[in-house]
Amino acid sequence: MNDDAKPFYKHHVFFCMNEREGKDARQSCGKCGAEKAQKHAKKRIKELGLNGEGKVRINQSGCLDRCEEGPVLVVYPEGTWYTYVDTADIDDIIDTHLVGGQVVERLKI
């Protein structure tokens, strides 16, 4: 790839979906609503017509190793990490960061 090549996606969002098992397991994003949040984000991005090449891709990921701060997601290419509580937080990340180009400071980790 040469330096002039554009990324395939403008934004690539990874939701940690890891679920740790066992009574002594650390907190894990998968047990904190990650699946619901990821599905909501994917649906909303499609509804806004923002999915596809050159636009936004919403993905699941394995452990991102920040579960104590989670649930977490990361937006690339910026490398901005967020935590969230509910779908209203996900909507804020979509509207403010992915659409508006501004970091959601209250959710940034």
Protein backbone atom coordinates (compact mmCIF):
# COMPACT_ATOMS: atom_id res chain seq x y z
CA MET A 1 0.00 0.00 0.00
CA ASN A 2 1.39 3.41 -0.89
CA ASP A 3 1.12 6.52 1.28
CA ASP A 4 -1.61 7.97 -0.99
CA ALA A 5 -3.97 5.04 -0.43
CA LYS A 6 -7.13 5.83 1.48
CA PRO A 7 -8.39 3.52 4.20
CA PHE A 8 -11.19 1.20 3.13
CA TYR A 9 -13.43 2.67 5.87
CA LYS A 10 -13.52 6.23 7.13
CA HIS A 11 -14.21 4.86 10.61
CA HIS A 12 -13.82 1.29 11.84
CA VAL A 13 -15.46 0.67 15.21
CA PHE A 14 -14.64 -2.38 17.31
CA PHE A 15 -16.85 -3.42 20.24
CA CYS A 16 -15.18 -5.69 22.79
CA MET A 17 -17.46 -8.72 23.15
CA ASN A 18 -15.26 -10.76 25.48
CA GLU A 19 -16.95 -12.79 28.23
CA ARG A 20 -14.83 -14.14 31.05
CA GLU A 21 -16.09 -17.16 32.95
CA GLY A 22 -15.66 -18.33 36.52
CA LYS A 23 -16.36 -16.93 39.96
CA ASP A 24 -13.02 -15.12 40.14
CA ALA A 25 -13.11 -13.77 36.58
CA ARG A 26 -12.36 -10.12 35.93
CA GLN A 27 -15.13 -7.88 34.65
CA SER A 28 -15.84 -8.44 30.97
CA CYS A 29 -17.50 -6.30 28.33
CA GLY A 30 -19.69 -9.13 27.05
CA LYS A 31 -21.46 -9.26 30.39
CA CYS A 32 -22.04 -5.48 30.39
CA GLY A 33 -24.37 -5.14 27.40
CA ALA A 34 -21.80 -5.17 24.60
CA GLU A 35 -23.84 -7.34 22.23
CA LYS A 36 -26.93 -5.12 22.51
CA ALA A 37 -24.82 -1.99 22.02
CA GLN A 38 -22.97 -3.38 18.99
CA LYS A 39 -26.19 -4.51 17.31
CA HIS A 40 -27.76 -1.12 18.00
CA ALA A 41 -24.77 0.69 16.47
CA LYS A 42 -24.74 -1.53 13.39
CA LYS A 43 -28.48 -1.03 12.84
CA ARG A 44 -28.29 2.73 13.35
CA ILE A 45 -25.32 3.14 10.99
CA LYS A 46 -27.28 1.25 8.31
CA GLU A 47 -30.39 3.39 8.93
CA LEU A 48 -28.29 6.54 8.49
CA GLY A 49 -26.83 5.19 5.24
CA LEU A 50 -23.32 5.34 6.68
CA ASN A 51 -22.31 1.70 6.15
CA GLY A 52 -20.10 0.42 3.38
CA GLU A 53 -16.85 1.16 1.64
CA GLY A 54 -15.46 4.60 2.46
CA LYS A 55 -17.92 5.01 5.30
CA VAL A 56 -18.34 3.26 8.67
CA ARG A 57 -17.88 -0.38 9.67
CA ILE A 58 -19.15 -1.70 13.02
CA ASN A 59 -17.41 -4.89 14.17
CA GLN A 60 -17.26 -7.25 17.11
CA SER A 61 -13.90 -7.99 18.63
CA GLY A 62 -12.40 -10.35 21.11
CA CYS A 63 -10.80 -9.01 24.26
CA LEU A 64 -9.37 -5.51 23.93
CA ASP A 65 -7.90 -5.83 27.45
CA ARG A 66 -9.56 -2.74 28.92
CA CYS A 67 -12.57 -4.48 30.44
CA GLU A 68 -12.13 -2.81 33.84
CA GLU A 69 -12.99 0.43 32.07
CA GLY A 70 -15.81 -1.15 30.14
CA PRO A 71 -17.72 -2.01 28.34
CA VAL A 72 -15.42 -0.52 25.71
CA LEU A 73 -15.23 0.23 22.03
CA VAL A 74 -12.49 1.78 19.95
CA VAL A 75 -12.81 3.95 16.84
CA TYR A 76 -10.11 3.75 14.17
CA PRO A 77 -8.20 5.27 12.48
CA GLU A 78 -8.18 7.78 15.35
CA GLY A 79 -7.68 5.16 18.06
CA THR A 80 -10.26 6.82 20.31
CA TRP A 81 -11.44 4.60 23.17
CA TYR A 82 -14.91 4.92 24.68
CA THR A 83 -16.97 3.38 27.42
CA TYR A 84 -20.76 3.47 27.42
CA VAL A 85 -23.74 2.61 29.57
CA ASP A 86 -26.65 2.37 27.15
CA THR A 87 -27.82 2.94 23.59
CA ALA A 88 -28.14 6.69 24.23
CA ASP A 89 -24.35 6.74 24.76
CA ILE A 90 -23.87 4.78 21.53
CA ASP A 91 -26.07 7.28 19.70
CA ASP A 92 -23.96 10.12 21.11
CA ILE A 93 -20.77 8.45 19.82
CA ILE A 94 -22.37 7.95 16.40
CA ASP A 95 -23.81 11.46 16.14
CA THR A 96 -20.91 13.37 17.66
CA HIS A 97 -17.84 11.38 16.60
CA LEU A 98 -18.71 9.31 13.54
CA VAL A 99 -20.96 11.92 11.93
CA GLY A 100 -19.75 15.17 13.49
CA GLY A 101 -16.03 14.45 13.78
CA GLN A 102 -15.78 15.45 17.45
CA VAL A 103 -14.68 13.29 20.38
CA VAL A 104 -17.33 12.59 23.01
CA GLU A 105 -15.22 13.70 25.98
CA ARG A 106 -17.65 12.44 28.65
CA LEU A 107 -17.32 8.86 27.33
CA LYS A 108 -13.66 8.86 26.32
CA ILE A 109 -11.25 6.66 28.27
